[in-house]
PDB file of all heavy atoms in Angstrom:
ATOM      1  N   THR A   1      -5.024  14.979  -3.569  1.00  0.00           N
ATOM      2  CA  THR A   1      -6.026  15.030  -4.636  1.00  0.00           C
ATOM      3  C   THR A   1      -5.567  15.947  -5.768  1.00  0.00           C
ATOM      4  O   THR A   1      -5.706  15.609  -6.944  1.00  0.00           O
ATOM      5  CB  THR A   1      -7.386  15.502  -4.073  1.00  0.00           C
ATOM      6  OG1 THR A   1      -7.804  14.578  -3.065  1.00  0.00           O
ATOM      7  CG2 THR A   1      -8.443  15.586  -5.155  1.00  0.00           C
ATOM      8  N   THR A   2      -4.992  17.070  -5.416  1.00  0.00           N
ATOM      9  CA  THR A   2      -4.474  17.996  -6.431  1.00  0.00           C
ATOM     10  C   THR A   2      -3.348  17.349  -7.222  1.00  0.00           C
ATOM     11  O   THR A   2      -3.284  17.452  -8.454  1.00  0.00           O
ATOM     12  CB  THR A   2      -3.988  19.297  -5.760  1.00  0.00           C
ATOM     13  OG1 THR A   2      -5.097  19.915  -5.104  1.00  0.00           O
ATOM     14  CG2 THR A   2      -3.389  20.256  -6.778  1.00  0.00           C
ATOM     15  N   TRP A   3      -2.449  16.643  -6.531  1.00  0.00           N
ATOM     16  CA  TRP A   3      -1.340  15.983  -7.217  1.00  0.00           C
ATOM     17  C   TRP A   3      -1.857  14.918  -8.177  1.00  0.00           C
ATOM     18  O   TRP A   3      -1.434  14.846  -9.336  1.00  0.00           O
ATOM     19  CB  TRP A   3      -0.367  15.384  -6.200  1.00  0.00           C
ATOM     20  CG  TRP A   3       0.788  14.680  -6.841  1.00  0.00           C
ATOM     21  CD1 TRP A   3       1.800  15.252  -7.571  1.00  0.00           C
ATOM     22  CD2 TRP A   3       1.042  13.279  -6.839  1.00  0.00           C
ATOM     23  NE1 TRP A   3       2.669  14.275  -8.013  1.00  0.00           N
ATOM     24  CE2 TRP A   3       2.221  13.055  -7.574  1.00  0.00           C
ATOM     25  CE3 TRP A   3       0.400  12.185  -6.281  1.00  0.00           C
ATOM     26  CZ2 TRP A   3       2.769  11.796  -7.763  1.00  0.00           C
ATOM     27  CZ3 TRP A   3       0.946  10.920  -6.464  1.00  0.00           C
ATOM     28  CH2 TRP A   3       2.116  10.745  -7.193  1.00  0.00           C
ATOM     29  N   PHE A   4      -2.791  14.086  -7.704  1.00  0.00           N
ATOM     30  CA  PHE A   4      -3.360  13.061  -8.582  1.00  0.00           C
ATOM     31  C   PHE A   4      -4.054  13.689  -9.782  1.00  0.00           C
ATOM     32  O   PHE A   4      -3.964  13.169 -10.902  1.00  0.00           O
ATOM     33  CB  PHE A   4      -4.330  12.154  -7.829  1.00  0.00           C
ATOM     34  CG  PHE A   4      -3.653  11.069  -7.041  1.00  0.00           C
ATOM     35  CD1 PHE A   4      -3.807  10.988  -5.675  1.00  0.00           C
ATOM     36  CD2 PHE A   4      -2.866  10.117  -7.666  1.00  0.00           C
ATOM     37  CE1 PHE A   4      -3.185   9.988  -4.939  1.00  0.00           C
ATOM     38  CE2 PHE A   4      -2.235   9.107  -6.953  1.00  0.00           C
ATOM     39  CZ  PHE A   4      -2.397   9.047  -5.584  1.00  0.00           C
ATOM     40  N   SER A   5      -4.743  14.792  -9.590  1.00  0.00           N
ATOM     41  CA  SER A   5      -5.410  15.478 -10.700  1.00  0.00           C
ATOM     42  C   SER A   5      -4.401  15.893 -11.763  1.00  0.00           C
ATOM     43  O   SER A   5      -4.682  15.819 -12.960  1.00  0.00           O
ATOM     44  CB  SER A   5      -6.165  16.708 -10.201  1.00  0.00           C
ATOM     45  OG  SER A   5      -7.220  16.327  -9.360  1.00  0.00           O
ATOM     46  N   GLY A   6      -3.214  16.307 -11.330  1.00  0.00           N
ATOM     47  CA  GLY A   6      -2.166  16.699 -12.257  1.00  0.00           C
ATOM     48  C   GLY A   6      -1.620  15.546 -13.084  1.00  0.00           C
ATOM     49  O   GLY A   6      -1.063  15.755 -14.161  1.00  0.00           O
ATOM     50  N   LEU A   7      -1.799  14.316 -12.597  1.00  0.00           N
ATOM     51  CA  LEU A   7      -1.349  13.142 -13.358  1.00  0.00           C
ATOM     52  C   LEU A   7      -2.338  12.756 -14.453  1.00  0.00           C
ATOM     53  O   LEU A   7      -2.006  11.979 -15.348  1.00  0.00           O
ATOM     54  CB  LEU A   7      -1.130  11.948 -12.417  1.00  0.00           C
ATOM     55  CG  LEU A   7       0.004  12.095 -11.410  1.00  0.00           C
ATOM     56  CD1 LEU A   7       0.036  10.891 -10.471  1.00  0.00           C
ATOM     57  CD2 LEU A   7       1.342  12.271 -12.103  1.00  0.00           C
ATOM     58  N   GLY A   8      -3.549  13.298 -14.379  1.00  0.00           N
ATOM     59  CA  GLY A   8      -4.545  13.094 -15.424  1.00  0.00           C
ATOM     60  C   GLY A   8      -4.893  11.645 -15.688  1.00  0.00           C
ATOM     61  O   GLY A   8      -5.043  10.839 -14.773  1.00  0.00           O
ATOM     62  N   ASP A   9      -4.998  11.313 -16.995  1.00  0.00           N
ATOM     63  CA  ASP A   9      -5.423   9.983 -17.430  1.00  0.00           C
ATOM     64  C   ASP A   9      -4.409   8.881 -17.132  1.00  0.00           C
ATOM     65  O   ASP A   9      -4.726   7.711 -17.302  1.00  0.00           O
ATOM     66  CB  ASP A   9      -5.693   9.978 -18.941  1.00  0.00           C
ATOM     67  CG  ASP A   9      -6.906  10.812 -19.303  1.00  0.00           C
ATOM     68  OD1 ASP A   9      -7.712  11.111 -18.401  1.00  0.00           O
ATOM     69  OD2 ASP A   9      -7.045  11.154 -20.486  1.00  0.00           O
ATOM     70  N   SER A  10      -3.201   9.248 -16.711  1.00  0.00           N
ATOM     71  CA  SER A  10      -2.210   8.205 -16.441  1.00  0.00           C
ATOM     72  C   SER A  10      -2.530   7.429 -15.161  1.00  0.00           C
ATOM     73  O   SER A  10      -2.006   6.335 -14.956  1.00  0.00           O
ATOM     74  CB  SER A  10      -0.798   8.792 -16.370  1.00  0.00           C
ATOM     75  OG  SER A  10      -0.676   9.679 -15.285  1.00  0.00           O
ATOM     76  N   VAL A  11      -3.411   7.953 -14.311  1.00  0.00           N
ATOM     77  CA  VAL A  11      -3.759   7.259 -13.070  1.00  0.00           C
ATOM     78  C   VAL A  11      -4.709   6.106 -13.387  1.00  0.00           C
ATOM     79  O   VAL A  11      -5.796   6.300 -13.912  1.00  0.00           O
ATOM     80  CB  VAL A  11      -4.407   8.211 -12.047  1.00  0.00           C
ATOM     81  CG1 VAL A  11      -4.818   7.440 -10.790  1.00  0.00           C
ATOM     82  CG2 VAL A  11      -3.456   9.342 -11.698  1.00  0.00           C
ATOM     83  N   VAL A  12      -4.269   4.881 -13.081  1.00  0.00           N
ATOM     84  CA  VAL A  12      -5.088   3.682 -13.252  1.00  0.00           C
ATOM     85  C   VAL A  12      -5.869   3.418 -11.972  1.00  0.00           C
ATOM     86  O   VAL A  12      -7.056   3.111 -11.990  1.00  0.00           O
ATOM     87  CB  VAL A  12      -4.202   2.454 -13.588  1.00  0.00           C
ATOM     88  CG1 VAL A  12      -5.018   1.173 -13.636  1.00  0.00           C
ATOM     89  CG2 VAL A  12      -3.447   2.681 -14.890  1.00  0.00           C
ATOM     90  N   ASP A  13      -5.180   3.528 -10.837  1.00  0.00           N
ATOM     91  CA  ASP A  13      -5.766   3.266  -9.524  1.00  0.00           C
ATOM     92  C   ASP A  13      -5.081   4.197  -8.528  1.00  0.00           C
ATOM     93  O   ASP A  13      -3.873   4.072  -8.301  1.00  0.00           O
ATOM     94  CB  ASP A  13      -5.543   1.796  -9.146  1.00  0.00           C
ATOM     95  CG  ASP A  13      -6.117   1.397  -7.800  1.00  0.00           C
ATOM     96  OD1 ASP A  13      -6.643   2.256  -7.068  1.00  0.00           O
ATOM     97  OD2 ASP A  13      -6.023   0.201  -7.472  1.00  0.00           O
ATOM     98  N   ILE A  14      -5.841   5.128  -7.960  1.00  0.00           N
ATOM     99  CA  ILE A  14      -5.267   6.043  -6.974  1.00  0.00           C
ATOM    100  C   ILE A  14      -4.650   5.250  -5.833  1.00  0.00           C
ATOM    101  O   ILE A  14      -3.671   5.653  -5.245  1.00  0.00           O
ATOM    102  CB  ILE A  14      -6.327   7.029  -6.453  1.00  0.00           C
ATOM    103  CG1 ILE A  14      -6.630   8.060  -7.531  1.00  0.00           C
ATOM    104  CG2 ILE A  14      -5.875   7.721  -5.189  1.00  0.00           C
ATOM    105  CD1 ILE A  14      -7.749   9.009  -7.175  1.00  0.00           C
ATOM    106  N   GLY A  15      -5.209   4.091  -5.535  1.00  0.00           N
ATOM    107  CA  GLY A  15      -4.664   3.236  -4.494  1.00  0.00           C
ATOM    108  C   GLY A  15      -5.260   3.548  -3.135  1.00  0.00           C
ATOM    109  O   GLY A  15      -6.310   4.168  -3.022  1.00  0.00           O
ATOM    110  N   ASN A  16      -4.539   3.132  -2.115  1.00  0.00           N
ATOM    111  CA  ASN A  16      -4.973   3.307  -0.737  1.00  0.00           C
ATOM    112  C   ASN A  16      -3.763   3.371   0.176  1.00  0.00           C
ATOM    113  O   ASN A  16      -2.718   2.803  -0.129  1.00  0.00           O
ATOM    114  CB  ASN A  16      -5.828   2.104  -0.285  1.00  0.00           C
ATOM    115  CG  ASN A  16      -7.167   2.073  -0.958  1.00  0.00           C
ATOM    116  OD1 ASN A  16      -8.003   2.915  -0.721  1.00  0.00           O
ATOM    117  ND2 ASN A  16      -7.355   1.084  -1.811  1.00  0.00           N
ATOM    118  N   PRO A  17      -3.942   4.006   1.334  1.00  0.00           N
ATOM    119  CA  PRO A  17      -2.902   3.907   2.350  1.00  0.00           C
ATOM    120  C   PRO A  17      -2.982   2.531   3.004  1.00  0.00           C
ATOM    121  O   PRO A  17      -4.028   1.872   2.955  1.00  0.00           O
ATOM    122  CB  PRO A  17      -3.258   5.015   3.344  1.00  0.00           C
ATOM    123  CG  PRO A  17      -4.690   5.319   3.115  1.00  0.00           C
ATOM    124  CD  PRO A  17      -5.007   4.935   1.703  1.00  0.00           C
ATOM    125  N   PHE A  18      -1.889   2.102   3.596  1.00  0.00           N
ATOM    126  CA  PHE A  18      -1.858   0.823   4.291  1.00  0.00           C
ATOM    127  C   PHE A  18      -2.172   1.018   5.766  1.00  0.00           C
ATOM    128  O   PHE A  18      -1.856   2.048   6.348  1.00  0.00           O
ATOM    129  CB  PHE A  18      -0.484   0.159   4.162  1.00  0.00           C
ATOM    130  CG  PHE A  18      -0.103  -0.197   2.753  1.00  0.00           C
ATOM    131  CD1 PHE A  18       1.213  -0.098   2.351  1.00  0.00           C
ATOM    132  CD2 PHE A  18      -1.037  -0.632   1.830  1.00  0.00           C
ATOM    133  CE1 PHE A  18       1.595  -0.433   1.051  1.00  0.00           C
ATOM    134  CE2 PHE A  18      -0.669  -0.964   0.539  1.00  0.00           C
ATOM    135  CZ  PHE A  18       0.651  -0.869   0.147  1.00  0.00           C
ATOM    136  N   ALA A  19      -2.753  -0.009   6.384  1.00  0.00           N
ATOM    137  CA  ALA A  19      -3.035  -0.011   7.818  1.00  0.00           C
ATOM    138  C   ALA A  19      -2.219  -1.135   8.455  1.00  0.00           C
ATOM    139  O   ALA A  19      -1.031  -1.254   8.196  1.00  0.00           O
ATOM    140  CB  ALA A  19      -4.533  -0.178   8.066  1.00  0.00           C
ATOM    141  N   ALA A  20      -2.855  -1.968   9.245  1.00  0.00           N
ATOM    142  CA  ALA A  20      -2.176  -3.075   9.919  1.00  0.00           C
ATOM    143  C   ALA A  20      -1.506  -3.983   8.889  1.00  0.00           C
ATOM    144  O   ALA A  20      -1.947  -4.079   7.744  1.00  0.00           O
ATOM    145  CB  ALA A  20      -3.174  -3.870  10.747  1.00  0.00           C
ATOM    146  N   SER A  21      -0.439  -4.658   9.316  1.00  0.00           N
ATOM    147  CA  SER A  21       0.284  -5.514   8.383  1.00  0.00           C
ATOM    148  C   SER A  21       0.739  -6.803   9.061  1.00  0.00           C
ATOM    149  O   SER A  21       0.763  -6.902  10.286  1.00  0.00           O
ATOM    150  CB  SER A  21       1.508  -4.782   7.822  1.00  0.00           C
ATOM    151  OG  SER A  21       2.421  -4.524   8.861  1.00  0.00           O
ATOM    152  N   SER A  22       1.089  -7.755   8.226  1.00  0.00           N
ATOM    153  CA  SER A  22       1.620  -9.036   8.673  1.00  0.00           C
ATOM    154  C   SER A  22       2.652  -9.481   7.657  1.00  0.00           C
ATOM    155  O   SER A  22       2.448  -9.325   6.454  1.00  0.00           O
ATOM    156  CB  SER A  22       0.487 -10.072   8.765  1.00  0.00           C
ATOM    157  OG  SER A  22       0.969 -11.312   9.191  1.00  0.00           O
ATOM    158  N   THR A  23       3.776  -9.996   8.128  1.00  0.00           N
ATOM    159  CA  THR A  23       4.810 -10.527   7.246  1.00  0.00           C
ATOM    160  C   THR A  23       4.746 -12.047   7.302  1.00  0.00           C
ATOM    161  O   THR A  23       4.778 -12.628   8.386  1.00  0.00           O
ATOM    162  CB  THR A  23       6.204 -10.042   7.678  1.00  0.00           C
ATOM    163  OG1 THR A  23       6.239  -8.621   7.609  1.00  0.00           O
ATOM    164  CG2 THR A  23       7.285 -10.626   6.775  1.00  0.00           C
ATOM    165  N   VAL A  24       4.645 -12.676   6.142  1.00  0.00           N
ATOM    166  CA  VAL A  24       4.553 -14.128   6.070  1.00  0.00           C
ATOM    167  C   VAL A  24       5.862 -14.664   5.511  1.00  0.00           C
ATOM    168  O   VAL A  24       6.323 -14.230   4.456  1.00  0.00           O
ATOM    169  CB  VAL A  24       3.365 -14.571   5.171  1.00  0.00           C
ATOM    170  CG1 VAL A  24       3.296 -16.086   5.106  1.00  0.00           C
ATOM    171  CG2 VAL A  24       2.060 -13.969   5.685  1.00  0.00           C
ATOM    172  N   ALA A  25       6.461 -15.604   6.231  1.00  0.00           N
ATOM    173  CA  ALA A  25       7.693 -16.268   5.807  1.00  0.00           C
ATOM    174  C   ALA A  25       7.511 -17.762   6.027  1.00  0.00           C
ATOM    175  O   ALA A  25       6.465 -18.206   6.515  1.00  0.00           O
ATOM    176  CB  ALA A  25       8.884 -15.736   6.601  1.00  0.00           C
ATOM    177  N   ALA A  26       8.516 -18.539   5.682  1.00  0.00           N
ATOM    178  CA  ALA A  26       8.427 -19.998   5.805  1.00  0.00           C
ATOM    179  C   ALA A  26       8.074 -20.426   7.229  1.00  0.00           C
ATOM    180  O   ALA A  26       7.406 -21.424   7.433  1.00  0.00           O
ATOM    181  CB  ALA A  26       9.734 -20.646   5.366  1.00  0.00           C
ATOM    182  N   GLY A  27       8.490 -19.664   8.224  1.00  0.00           N
ATOM    183  CA  GLY A  27       8.231 -20.009   9.611  1.00  0.00           C
ATOM    184  C   GLY A  27       6.870 -19.562  10.126  1.00  0.00           C
ATOM    185  O   GLY A  27       6.542 -19.781  11.284  1.00  0.00           O
ATOM    186  N   GLY A  28       6.091 -18.904   9.294  1.00  0.00           N
ATOM    187  CA  GLY A  28       4.770 -18.435   9.713  1.00  0.00           C
ATOM    188  C   GLY A  28       4.628 -16.937   9.530  1.00  0.00           C
ATOM    189  O   GLY A  28       5.447 -16.292   8.887  1.00  0.00           O
ATOM    190  N   ALA A  29       3.573 -16.402  10.112  1.00  0.00           N
ATOM    191  CA  ALA A  29       3.251 -14.985   9.960  1.00  0.00           C
ATOM    192  C   ALA A  29       3.603 -14.221  11.227  1.00  0.00           C
ATOM    193  O   ALA A  29       3.465 -14.730  12.335  1.00  0.00           O
ATOM    194  CB  ALA A  29       1.779 -14.815   9.644  1.00  0.00           C
ATOM    195  N   THR A  30       4.067 -12.989  11.039  1.00  0.00           N
ATOM    196  CA  THR A  30       4.371 -12.088  12.141  1.00  0.00           C
ATOM    197  C   THR A  30       3.595 -10.808  11.919  1.00  0.00           C
ATOM    198  O   THR A  30       3.762 -10.156  10.883  1.00  0.00           O
ATOM    199  CB  THR A  30       5.880 -11.769  12.191  1.00  0.00           C
ATOM    200  OG1 THR A  30       6.609 -12.989  12.271  1.00  0.00           O
ATOM    201  CG2 THR A  30       6.215 -10.888  13.364  1.00  0.00           C
ATOM    202  N   GLU A  31       2.746 -10.458  12.861  1.00  0.00           N
ATOM    203  CA  GLU A  31       1.990  -9.205  12.737  1.00  0.00           C
ATOM    204  C   GLU A  31       2.868  -8.030  13.100  1.00  0.00           C
ATOM    205  O   GLU A  31       3.847  -8.164  13.824  1.00  0.00           O
ATOM    206  CB  GLU A  31       0.746  -9.259  13.612  1.00  0.00           C
ATOM    207  CG  GLU A  31      -0.275 -10.235  13.078  1.00  0.00           C
ATOM    208  CD  GLU A  31      -1.613 -10.120  13.765  1.00  0.00           C
ATOM    209  OE1 GLU A  31      -1.928  -9.052  14.311  1.00  0.00           O
ATOM    210  OE2 GLU A  31      -2.344 -11.121  13.751  1.00  0.00           O
ATOM    211  N   GLY A  32       2.483  -6.864  12.577  1.00  0.00           N
ATOM    212  CA  GLY A  32       3.231  -5.653  12.885  1.00  0.00           C
ATOM    213  C   GLY A  32       4.555  -5.591  12.170  1.00  0.00           C
ATOM    214  O   GLY A  32       5.591  -5.320  12.771  1.00  0.00           O
ATOM    215  N   ALA A  33       4.546  -5.850  10.880  1.00  0.00           N
ATOM    216  CA  ALA A  33       5.773  -5.837  10.081  1.00  0.00           C
ATOM    217  C   ALA A  33       6.516  -4.514  10.270  1.00  0.00           C
ATOM    218  O   ALA A  33       5.917  -3.487  10.569  1.00  0.00           O
ATOM    219  CB  ALA A  33       5.440  -6.053   8.617  1.00  0.00           C
ATOM    220  N   THR A  34       7.811  -4.546  10.082  1.00  0.00           N
ATOM    221  CA  THR A  34       8.640  -3.357  10.290  1.00  0.00           C
ATOM    222  C   THR A  34       8.770  -2.499   9.035  1.00  0.00           C
ATOM    223  O   THR A  34       9.486  -1.520   9.044  1.00  0.00           O
ATOM    224  CB  THR A  34      10.045  -3.763  10.764  1.00  0.00           C
ATOM    225  OG1 THR A  34      10.627  -4.608   9.781  1.00  0.00           O
ATOM    226  CG2 THR A  34       9.984  -4.472  12.101  1.00  0.00           C
ATOM    227  N   SER A  35       8.076  -2.842   7.985  1.00  0.00           N
ATOM    228  CA  SER A  35       8.148  -2.069   6.746  1.00  0.00           C
ATOM    229  C   SER A  35       7.634  -0.649   6.974  1.00  0.00           C
ATOM    230  O   SER A  35       6.731  -0.416   7.760  1.00  0.00           O
ATOM    231  CB  SER A  35       7.293  -2.750   5.663  1.00  0.00           C
ATOM    232  OG  SER A  35       7.226  -1.923   4.527  1.00  0.00           O
TER     233      SER A  35
END
């Protein structure tokens, strides 16, 4: 929060952390991506 405050008006969207994931490729989706 302190770091974001230092960025001031340049912050458009603080964003969010990521949770569960799925990787989609031509062969279908795989849960638990390795990213």
